[in-house]
C-alpha atoms as a PDB file:
ATOM      1  CA  MET A   1      15.863  16.160  30.615  1.00  0.00           C
ATOM      2  CA  ASN A   2      14.351  12.949  31.936  1.00  0.00           C
ATOM      3  CA  PRO A   3      10.992  12.442  30.141  1.00  0.00           C
ATOM      4  CA  LEU A   4       9.708  10.229  32.978  1.00  0.00           C
ATOM      5  CA  ASN A   5      10.071  13.014  35.515  1.00  0.00           C
ATOM      6  CA  THR A   6       8.768  15.832  33.348  1.00  0.00           C
ATOM      7  CA  THR A   7       5.597  16.541  31.409  1.00  0.00           C
ATOM      8  CA  VAL A   8       6.434  16.948  27.716  1.00  0.00           C
ATOM      9  CA  THR A   9       3.779  18.030  25.228  1.00  0.00           C
ATOM     10  CA  SER A  10       3.847  17.973  21.448  1.00  0.00           C
ATOM     11  CA  ARG A  11       1.462  17.575  18.526  1.00  0.00           C
ATOM     12  CA  LEU A  12       1.120  14.403  16.474  1.00  0.00           C
ATOM     13  CA  GLY A  13      -1.458  14.579  13.725  1.00  0.00           C
ATOM     14  CA  GLY A  14      -3.519  17.118  15.651  1.00  0.00           C
ATOM     15  CA  ILE A  15      -3.667  15.000  18.831  1.00  0.00           C
ATOM     16  CA  LEU A  16      -2.099  16.311  22.030  1.00  0.00           C
ATOM     17  CA  LEU A  17       0.513  13.956  23.411  1.00  0.00           C
ATOM     18  CA  ALA A  18       1.740  14.107  26.976  1.00  0.00           C
ATOM     19  CA  VAL A  19       4.465  11.960  28.495  1.00  0.00           C
ATOM     20  CA  MET A  20       3.667  11.999  32.171  1.00  0.00           C
ATOM     21  CA  ALA A  21       5.656  11.005  35.230  1.00  0.00           C
ATOM     22  CA  SER A  22       3.912   7.632  35.186  1.00  0.00           C
ATOM     23  CA  GLY A  23       5.516   6.781  31.841  1.00  0.00           C
ATOM     24  CA  TYR A  24       2.134   6.609  30.094  1.00  0.00           C
ATOM     25  CA  LEU A  25       1.244   8.281  26.818  1.00  0.00           C
ATOM     26  CA  LEU A  26      -2.092  10.093  26.773  1.00  0.00           C
ATOM     27  CA  ILE A  27      -3.666  10.447  23.344  1.00  0.00           C
ATOM     28  CA  GLY A  28      -6.805  12.519  23.699  1.00  0.00           C
ATOM     29  CA  PRO A  29      -9.094  10.446  25.901  1.00  0.00           C
ATOM     30  CA  ILE A  30      -7.133   7.208  25.399  1.00  0.00           C
ATOM     31  CA  SER A  31      -4.228   5.997  27.543  1.00  0.00           C
ATOM     32  CA  VAL A  32      -1.781   3.462  26.147  1.00  0.00           C
ATOM     33  CA  ALA A  33       1.536   2.212  27.475  1.00  0.00           C
ATOM     34  CA  ALA A  34       4.564   3.843  25.936  1.00  0.00           C
ATOM     35  CA  GLU A  35       8.307   3.345  25.870  1.00  0.00           C
ATOM     36  CA  THR A  36      10.552   6.380  25.857  1.00  0.00           C
ATOM     37  CA  THR A  37      13.831   6.920  24.075  1.00  0.00           C
ATOM     38  CA  GLY A  38      15.358  10.293  24.914  1.00  0.00           C
ATOM     39  CA  ASN A  39      12.510  12.771  24.478  1.00  0.00           C
ATOM     40  CA  ARG A  40      10.594  10.629  21.925  1.00  0.00           C
ATOM     41  CA  ALA A  41       7.609   8.515  22.899  1.00  0.00           C
ATOM     42  CA  ILE A  42       6.788   5.402  20.877  1.00  0.00           C
ATOM     43  CA  ASN A  43       3.085   4.657  20.511  1.00  0.00           C
ATOM     44  CA  ASN A  44       1.668   1.192  20.964  1.00  0.00           C
ATOM     45  CA  PRO A  45      -0.262   0.482  18.777  1.00  0.00           C
ATOM     46  CA  PRO A  46       1.198   2.753  16.079  1.00  0.00           C
ATOM     47  CA  ALA A  47      -0.810   5.181  13.992  1.00  0.00           C
ATOM     48  CA  THR A  48      -1.622   3.989  10.459  1.00  0.00           C
ATOM     49  CA  ILE A  49      -0.808   5.946   7.320  1.00  0.00           C
ATOM     50  CA  LEU A  50      -1.707   4.968   3.751  1.00  0.00           C
ATOM     51  CA  VAL A  51       0.585   6.356   1.042  1.00  0.00           C
ATOM     52  CA  THR A  52      -0.378   6.167  -2.643  1.00  0.00           C
ATOM     53  CA  GLY A  53       2.232   6.071  -5.398  1.00  0.00           C
ATOM     54  CA  ALA A  54       4.808   4.713  -2.956  1.00  0.00           C
ATOM     55  CA  ASN A  55       6.890   2.657  -5.377  1.00  0.00           C
ATOM     56  CA  ARG A  56       9.335   5.453  -6.224  1.00  0.00           C
ATOM     57  CA  GLY A  57      10.391   9.046  -5.623  1.00  0.00           C
ATOM     58  CA  ILE A  58       8.854  11.043  -2.801  1.00  0.00           C
ATOM     59  CA  GLY A  59       6.242   8.363  -2.078  1.00  0.00           C
ATOM     60  CA  LEU A  60       8.912   5.718  -1.520  1.00  0.00           C
ATOM     61  CA  ALA A  61      10.928   8.036   0.721  1.00  0.00           C
ATOM     62  CA  LEU A  62       7.828   8.942   2.742  1.00  0.00           C
ATOM     63  CA  ALA A  63       6.835   5.294   3.198  1.00  0.00           C
ATOM     64  CA  ARG A  64      10.345   4.516   4.430  1.00  0.00           C
ATOM     65  CA  TYR A  65      10.498   7.533   6.753  1.00  0.00           C
ATOM     66  CA  PHE A  66       7.113   6.925   8.379  1.00  0.00           C
ATOM     67  CA  HIS A  67       7.982   3.237   8.798  1.00  0.00           C
ATOM     68  CA  GLN A  68      11.308   4.103  10.428  1.00  0.00           C
ATOM     69  CA  HIS A  69       9.484   6.347  12.885  1.00  0.00           C
ATOM     70  CA  GLY A  70       7.109   3.699  14.125  1.00  0.00           C
ATOM     71  CA  PHE A  71       4.042   4.175  11.946  1.00  0.00           C
ATOM     72  CA  SER A  72       2.086   1.293  10.489  1.00  0.00           C
ATOM     73  CA  VAL A  73       2.434   1.980   6.750  1.00  0.00           C
ATOM     74  CA  ILE A  74       0.116   0.792   3.993  1.00  0.00           C
ATOM     75  CA  ALA A  75       1.824   1.581   0.700  1.00  0.00           C
ATOM     76  CA  THR A  76       0.209   1.303  -2.717  1.00  0.00           C
ATOM     77  CA  ALA A  77       1.637   0.833  -6.190  1.00  0.00           C
ATOM     78  CA  ARG A  78       0.155   0.102  -9.602  1.00  0.00           C
ATOM     79  CA  LYS A  79       2.472  -2.885  -9.987  1.00  0.00           C
ATOM     80  CA  PRO A  80       3.427  -4.025  -6.482  1.00  0.00           C
ATOM     81  CA  ASN A  81       5.308  -7.091  -7.757  1.00  0.00           C
ATOM     82  CA  GLU A  82       7.766  -4.737  -9.452  1.00  0.00           C
ATOM     83  CA  ALA A  83       8.082  -2.381  -6.460  1.00  0.00           C
ATOM     84  CA  LEU A  84      11.214  -4.084  -5.144  1.00  0.00           C
ATOM     85  CA  GLN A  85      12.567  -1.105  -3.184  1.00  0.00           C
ATOM     86  CA  LEU A  86       9.209  -0.646  -1.501  1.00  0.00           C
ATOM     87  CA  LYS A  87       8.958  -4.317  -0.562  1.00  0.00           C
ATOM     88  CA  ALA A  88      12.478  -4.169   0.861  1.00  0.00           C
ATOM     89  CA  ILE A  89      11.294  -1.628   3.434  1.00  0.00           C
ATOM     90  CA  GLY A  90       9.000  -4.253   4.919  1.00  0.00           C
ATOM     91  CA  VAL A  91       5.731  -2.309   4.814  1.00  0.00           C
ATOM     92  CA  GLU A  92       2.345  -3.646   3.745  1.00  0.00           C
ATOM     93  CA  THR A  93       2.102  -3.186  -0.025  1.00  0.00           C
ATOM     94  CA  LEU A  94      -1.203  -3.182  -1.904  1.00  0.00           C
ATOM     95  CA  GLN A  95      -2.128  -2.833  -5.569  1.00  0.00           C
ATOM     96  CA  LEU A  96      -3.814   0.417  -6.580  1.00  0.00           C
ATOM     97  CA  ASP A  97      -4.354   2.223  -9.854  1.00  0.00           C
ATOM     98  CA  ILE A  98      -6.053   5.476  -8.864  1.00  0.00           C
ATOM     99  CA  THR A  99      -7.541   5.883 -12.357  1.00  0.00           C
ATOM    100  CA  ASP A 100      -9.231   2.459 -12.305  1.00  0.00           C
ATOM    101  CA  PRO A 101     -12.580   2.246 -10.469  1.00  0.00           C
ATOM    102  CA  ALA A 102     -12.218  -1.557 -10.127  1.00  0.00           C
ATOM    103  CA  SER A 103      -8.825  -1.164  -8.463  1.00  0.00           C
ATOM    104  CA  ILE A 104     -10.238   1.488  -6.129  1.00  0.00           C
ATOM    105  CA  ALA A 105     -13.146  -0.819  -5.239  1.00  0.00           C
ATOM    106  CA  ALA A 106     -10.766  -3.707  -4.510  1.00  0.00           C
ATOM    107  CA  LEU A 107      -8.707  -1.527  -2.163  1.00  0.00           C
ATOM    108  CA  LYS A 108     -11.841  -0.327  -0.395  1.00  0.00           C
ATOM    109  CA  SER A 109     -13.072  -3.903   0.052  1.00  0.00           C
ATOM    110  CA  GLY A 110      -9.714  -5.176   1.279  1.00  0.00           C
ATOM    111  CA  LEU A 111      -9.471  -2.455   3.920  1.00  0.00           C
ATOM    112  CA  THR A 112     -13.037  -2.701   5.224  1.00  0.00           C
ATOM    113  CA  GLY A 113     -13.158  -1.994   8.939  1.00  0.00           C
ATOM    114  CA  ARG A 114      -9.491  -0.987   9.273  1.00  0.00           C
ATOM    115  CA  PRO A 115      -8.843   2.433  10.802  1.00  0.00           C
ATOM    116  CA  ILE A 116      -6.604   4.773   8.809  1.00  0.00           C
ATOM    117  CA  ASP A 117      -5.259   7.782  10.670  1.00  0.00           C
ATOM    118  CA  ILE A 118      -3.553   9.589   7.803  1.00  0.00           C
ATOM    119  CA  LEU A 119      -4.232   9.312   4.064  1.00  0.00           C
ATOM    120  CA  LEU A 120      -1.373  10.677   1.978  1.00  0.00           C
ATOM    121  CA  ASN A 121      -2.407  11.088  -1.663  1.00  0.00           C
ATOM    122  CA  ASN A 122       1.018  11.203  -3.264  1.00  0.00           C
ATOM    123  CA  ALA A 123       0.464   9.521  -6.649  1.00  0.00           C
ATOM    124  CA  GLY A 124       0.803  11.945  -9.550  1.00  0.00           C
ATOM    125  CA  ILE A 125       2.292  12.516 -12.992  1.00  0.00           C
ATOM    126  CA  LYS A 126       3.887  15.375 -14.883  1.00  0.00           C
ATOM    127  CA  GLY A 127       1.732  14.637 -17.890  1.00  0.00           C
ATOM    128  CA  HIS A 128       1.717  16.164 -21.343  1.00  0.00           C
ATOM    129  CA  SER A 129       3.138  19.640 -21.784  1.00  0.00           C
ATOM    130  CA  ALA A 130       3.975  21.986 -24.633  1.00  0.00           C
ATOM    131  CA  THR A 131       5.699  25.351 -24.906  1.00  0.00           C
ATOM    132  CA  ALA A 132       3.065  26.837 -27.211  1.00  0.00           C
ATOM    133  CA  LEU A 133      -0.722  26.628 -27.340  1.00  0.00           C
ATOM    134  CA  ASP A 134      -0.640  25.420 -30.949  1.00  0.00           C
ATOM    135  CA  ASP A 135       1.386  22.379 -29.873  1.00  0.00           C
ATOM    136  CA  LEU A 136      -0.818  21.468 -26.914  1.00  0.00           C
ATOM    137  CA  ASP A 137      -2.698  18.185 -27.269  1.00  0.00           C
ATOM    138  CA  ILE A 138      -5.727  18.915 -25.126  1.00  0.00           C
ATOM    139  CA  GLU A 139      -6.954  15.323 -25.308  1.00  0.00           C
ATOM    140  CA  GLN A 140      -3.798  14.172 -23.541  1.00  0.00           C
ATOM    141  CA  LEU A 141      -4.540  16.516 -20.646  1.00  0.00           C
ATOM    142  CA  LYS A 142      -7.471  14.288 -19.677  1.00  0.00           C
ATOM    143  CA  THR A 143      -4.963  11.750 -18.335  1.00  0.00           C
ATOM    144  CA  THR A 144      -3.203  14.439 -16.290  1.00  0.00           C
ATOM    145  CA  PHE A 145      -6.463  15.434 -14.628  1.00  0.00           C
ATOM    146  CA  ASP A 146      -7.530  11.815 -14.178  1.00  0.00           C
ATOM    147  CA  VAL A 147      -4.387  11.071 -12.151  1.00  0.00           C
ATOM    148  CA  ASN A 148      -3.535  14.334 -10.395  1.00  0.00           C
ATOM    149  CA  SER A 149      -7.046  15.511  -9.544  1.00  0.00           C
ATOM    150  CA  LEU A 150      -9.736  12.842  -9.885  1.00  0.00           C
ATOM    151  CA  GLY A 151      -7.446  10.038  -8.708  1.00  0.00           C
ATOM    152  CA  ALA A 152      -6.987  11.604  -5.283  1.00  0.00           C
ATOM    153  CA  LEU A 153     -10.712  12.286  -5.038  1.00  0.00           C
ATOM    154  CA  ARG A 154     -11.515   8.642  -5.810  1.00  0.00           C
ATOM    155  CA  VAL A 155      -9.202   7.443  -3.039  1.00  0.00           C
ATOM    156  CA  ILE A 156     -10.627   9.896  -0.495  1.00  0.00           C
ATOM    157  CA  GLN A 157     -14.175   8.833  -1.316  1.00  0.00           C
ATOM    158  CA  ALA A 158     -13.338   5.125  -1.076  1.00  0.00           C
ATOM    159  CA  LEU A 159     -11.427   5.375   2.211  1.00  0.00           C
ATOM    160  CA  MET A 160     -13.623   7.848   4.049  1.00  0.00           C
ATOM    161  CA  PRO A 161     -15.139   5.032   6.200  1.00  0.00           C
ATOM    162  CA  ASN A 162     -11.607   4.054   7.285  1.00  0.00           C
ATOM    163  CA  LEU A 163     -10.663   7.642   8.043  1.00  0.00           C
ATOM    164  CA  ARG A 164     -13.818   8.176  10.101  1.00  0.00           C
ATOM    165  CA  ILE A 165     -12.786   5.405  12.494  1.00  0.00           C
ATOM    166  CA  GLY A 166      -9.166   6.546  12.593  1.00  0.00           C
ATOM    167  CA  ALA A 167      -7.939   8.679  15.476  1.00  0.00           C
ATOM    168  CA  GLN A 168      -6.334  11.477  13.469  1.00  0.00           C
ATOM    169  CA  LYS A 169      -8.717  11.924  10.500  1.00  0.00           C
ATOM    170  CA  THR A 170      -6.042  13.596   8.396  1.00  0.00           C
ATOM    171  CA  VAL A 171      -5.951  13.786   4.599  1.00  0.00           C
ATOM    172  CA  VAL A 172      -2.785  15.098   2.969  1.00  0.00           C
ATOM    173  CA  ASN A 173      -2.904  15.805  -0.761  1.00  0.00           C
ATOM    174  CA  MET A 174       0.452  16.227  -2.462  1.00  0.00           C
ATOM    175  CA  SER A 175       0.071  19.267  -4.648  1.00  0.00           C
ATOM    176  CA  SER A 176       2.632  21.728  -5.970  1.00  0.00           C
ATOM    177  CA  ARG A 177       3.388  25.425  -5.854  1.00  0.00           C
ATOM    178  CA  MET A 178       2.628  25.230  -9.576  1.00  0.00           C
ATOM    179  CA  GLY A 179      -1.028  24.731  -8.614  1.00  0.00           C
ATOM    180  CA  SER A 180      -1.127  28.264  -7.209  1.00  0.00           C
ATOM    181  CA  ILE A 181      -2.877  30.849  -9.388  1.00  0.00           C
ATOM    182  CA  ALA A 182      -1.128  33.717  -7.607  1.00  0.00           C
ATOM    183  CA  ASP A 183       2.314  32.197  -8.298  1.00  0.00           C
ATOM    184  CA  ASN A 184       1.584  31.159 -11.894  1.00  0.00           C
ATOM    185  CA  THR A 185       4.517  32.121 -14.118  1.00  0.00           C
ATOM    186  CA  GLY A 186       3.159  30.433 -17.250  1.00  0.00           C
ATOM    187  CA  GLY A 187       3.849  27.119 -18.956  1.00  0.00           C
ATOM    188  CA  ALA A 188       2.896  23.564 -17.967  1.00  0.00           C
ATOM    189  CA  VAL A 189      -0.772  24.390 -18.540  1.00  0.00           C
ATOM    190  CA  GLY A 190      -2.155  20.915 -17.841  1.00  0.00           C
ATOM    191  CA  TYR A 191      -0.027  20.169 -14.790  1.00  0.00           C
ATOM    192  CA  ARG A 192      -0.754  23.538 -13.191  1.00  0.00           C
ATOM    193  CA  ALA A 193      -4.481  23.206 -13.811  1.00  0.00           C
ATOM    194  CA  SER A 194      -4.627  19.630 -12.492  1.00  0.00           C
ATOM    195  CA  LYS A 195      -2.963  20.642  -9.236  1.00  0.00           C
ATOM    196  CA  GLY A 196      -5.199  23.710  -9.025  1.00  0.00           C
ATOM    197  CA  ALA A 197      -8.208  21.396  -9.295  1.00  0.00           C
ATOM    198  CA  LEU A 198      -6.780  19.189  -6.533  1.00  0.00           C
ATOM    199  CA  ASN A 199      -6.372  22.277  -4.349  1.00  0.00           C
ATOM    200  CA  ASN A 200     -10.027  23.166  -4.891  1.00  0.00           C
ATOM    201  CA  PHE A 201     -11.185  19.626  -4.074  1.00  0.00           C
ATOM    202  CA  ASN A 202      -9.194  19.829  -0.868  1.00  0.00           C
ATOM    203  CA  LYS A 203     -10.669  23.196   0.111  1.00  0.00           C
ATOM    204  CA  SER A 204     -14.238  22.024  -0.481  1.00  0.00           C
ATOM    205  CA  LEU A 205     -13.732  18.838   1.533  1.00  0.00           C
ATOM    206  CA  SER A 206     -12.032  20.732   4.349  1.00  0.00           C
ATOM    207  CA  ILE A 207     -15.240  22.696   4.781  1.00  0.00           C
ATOM    208  CA  GLU A 208     -17.599  19.738   4.357  1.00  0.00           C
ATOM    209  CA  PHE A 209     -15.856  17.592   6.984  1.00  0.00           C
ATOM    210  CA  SER A 210     -14.535  20.206   9.400  1.00  0.00           C
ATOM    211  CA  GLU A 211     -17.280  19.589  11.990  1.00  0.00           C
ATOM    212  CA  GLN A 212     -16.331  15.891  12.036  1.00  0.00           C
ATOM    213  CA  GLY A 213     -12.809  16.770  13.173  1.00  0.00           C
ATOM    214  CA  PHE A 214     -11.055  16.168   9.847  1.00  0.00           C
ATOM    215  CA  VAL A 215      -7.922  17.960   8.678  1.00  0.00           C
ATOM    216  CA  PHE A 216      -7.496  18.357   4.904  1.00  0.00           C
ATOM    217  CA  VAL A 217      -4.306  19.998   3.619  1.00  0.00           C
ATOM    218  CA  VAL A 218      -2.423  20.349   0.354  1.00  0.00           C
ATOM    219  CA  LEU A 219       1.366  20.365   0.466  1.00  0.00           C
ATOM    220  CA  HIS A 220       4.147  21.422  -1.880  1.00  0.00           C
ATOM    221  CA  PRO A 221       7.078  18.980  -1.447  1.00  0.00           C
ATOM    222  CA  GLY A 222       9.673  21.394  -2.821  1.00  0.00           C
ATOM    223  CA  TRP A 223      11.627  21.074  -6.038  1.00  0.00           C
ATOM    224  CA  VAL A 224      12.746  17.478  -5.602  1.00  0.00           C
ATOM    225  CA  ARG A 225      15.193  15.419  -7.637  1.00  0.00           C
ATOM    226  CA  THR A 226      12.967  12.712  -9.157  1.00  0.00           C
ATOM    227  CA  ASP A 227      12.344  11.303 -12.608  1.00  0.00           C
ATOM    228  CA  MET A 228       9.742  14.078 -13.022  1.00  0.00           C
ATOM    229  CA  THR A 229      12.274  16.880 -12.521  1.00  0.00           C
ATOM    230  CA  SER A 230      16.038  17.122 -13.006  1.00  0.00           C
ATOM    231  CA  ASP A 231      19.342  16.725 -11.200  1.00  0.00           C
ATOM    232  CA  ARG A 232      19.371  20.504 -10.663  1.00  0.00           C
ATOM    233  CA  ALA A 233      16.421  20.309  -8.243  1.00  0.00           C
ATOM    234  CA  THR A 234      16.929  21.637  -4.716  1.00  0.00           C
ATOM    235  CA  TYR A 235      16.026  18.654  -2.550  1.00  0.00           C
ATOM    236  CA  SER A 236      16.679  14.931  -2.505  1.00  0.00           C
ATOM    237  CA  THR A 237      13.666  12.705  -1.895  1.00  0.00           C
ATOM    238  CA  ASP A 238      14.982  12.017   1.621  1.00  0.00           C
ATOM    239  CA  ASP A 239      15.319  15.745   2.357  1.00  0.00           C
ATOM    240  CA  SER A 240      11.753  16.340   1.259  1.00  0.00           C
ATOM    241  CA  ALA A 241      10.381  13.310   3.121  1.00  0.00           C
ATOM    242  CA  LYS A 242      12.047  14.367   6.392  1.00  0.00           C
ATOM    243  CA  ALA A 243      10.595  17.886   6.223  1.00  0.00           C
ATOM    244  CA  LEU A 244       7.166  16.612   5.171  1.00  0.00           C
ATOM    245  CA  PHE A 245       7.139  14.064   8.008  1.00  0.00           C
ATOM    246  CA  GLU A 246       7.815  16.769  10.563  1.00  0.00           C
ATOM    247  CA  LEU A 247       5.077  18.955   9.073  1.00  0.00           C
ATOM    248  CA  ILE A 248       2.453  16.207   8.742  1.00  0.00           C
ATOM    249  CA  THR A 249       2.953  14.918  12.289  1.00  0.00           C
ATOM    250  CA  GLU A 250       2.465  18.459  13.632  1.00  0.00           C
ATOM    251  CA  LEU A 251      -0.824  19.161  11.826  1.00  0.00           C
ATOM    252  CA  SER A 252      -3.802  20.222  13.945  1.00  0.00           C
ATOM    253  CA  GLN A 253      -7.394  21.304  13.371  1.00  0.00           C
ATOM    254  CA  GLY A 254      -6.184  24.853  12.827  1.00  0.00           C
ATOM    255  CA  ASP A 255      -4.391  23.706   9.669  1.00  0.00           C
ATOM    256  CA  ASN A 256      -7.570  22.417   8.032  1.00  0.00           C
ATOM    257  CA  GLY A 257      -7.975  23.740   4.486  1.00  0.00           C
ATOM    258  CA  ARG A 258      -4.466  25.198   4.264  1.00  0.00           C
ATOM    259  CA  PHE A 259      -1.809  25.119   1.516  1.00  0.00           C
ATOM    260  CA  TYR A 260       1.774  24.767   2.766  1.00  0.00           C
ATOM    261  CA  ASP A 261       5.256  24.174   1.450  1.00  0.00           C
ATOM    262  CA  LEU A 262       7.388  21.445   2.997  1.00  0.00           C
ATOM    263  CA  HIS A 263       8.622  23.802   5.722  1.00  0.00           C
ATOM    264  CA  GLY A 264       5.118  24.813   6.815  1.00  0.00           C
ATOM    265  CA  GLU A 265       5.092  28.183   5.067  1.00  0.00           C
ATOM    266  CA  SER A 266       1.731  29.194   3.600  1.00  0.00           C
ATOM    267  CA  ILE A 267       1.413  29.368  -0.189  1.00  0.00           C
ATOM    268  CA  ALA A 268      -0.939  31.822  -1.867  1.00  0.00           C
ATOM    269  CA  TRP A 269      -3.863  30.235  -3.680  1.00  0.00           C
END
């Protein structure tokens, strides 16, 4: 199929794309020149995605995958000078500790006036766990909530001005099937609860900002082989990133407030 002689439609971040016979890419009401390679159109300028916790694991793989597919990637890490693999990708790398209000404020200030199309809140920790209630150190769970729940909320609040001027207005919060109450099989009390709180934040915000055209979703990346899991896990970070990329770039307004796995299957709350 010759894309220059045929109209091809697809979804990218909830925006209808059409490659017309003229060789131009129409993005909503905006027309920009586009090159075509096979059936894939390359935007100019590219959409911008900000990925938190991008120095390792799924975050690193996602930053690399979005970069390889033509996105402008802003990647954050607590210690960017030590994020050698991330720097090797060649993406913009910024310092961010999502538990530190001063770090959040510095990021907000440094990005003033820059449109962000997609915010991907990936940063998270496994946190403290125990097999029995008697062994649970409840004080340690504060850190789990501070990172997995409140951290994402801080970033969303700080970058909302950037998202408002972005074209896609998409917020992706990396959750877990373990945040589902319906699928709760016990154990990992703090981690499950922190992801459940993140899911609730997402649902509330999806309602609050729906009339402004925002899309808020929570995603389960699958059981991925990272330093938080084990070598027995189902997916490599690259496998997960590829599936998540395909899902995220197909999101539309109808997905607002939803909870999906990496293949786009709905997960019970």
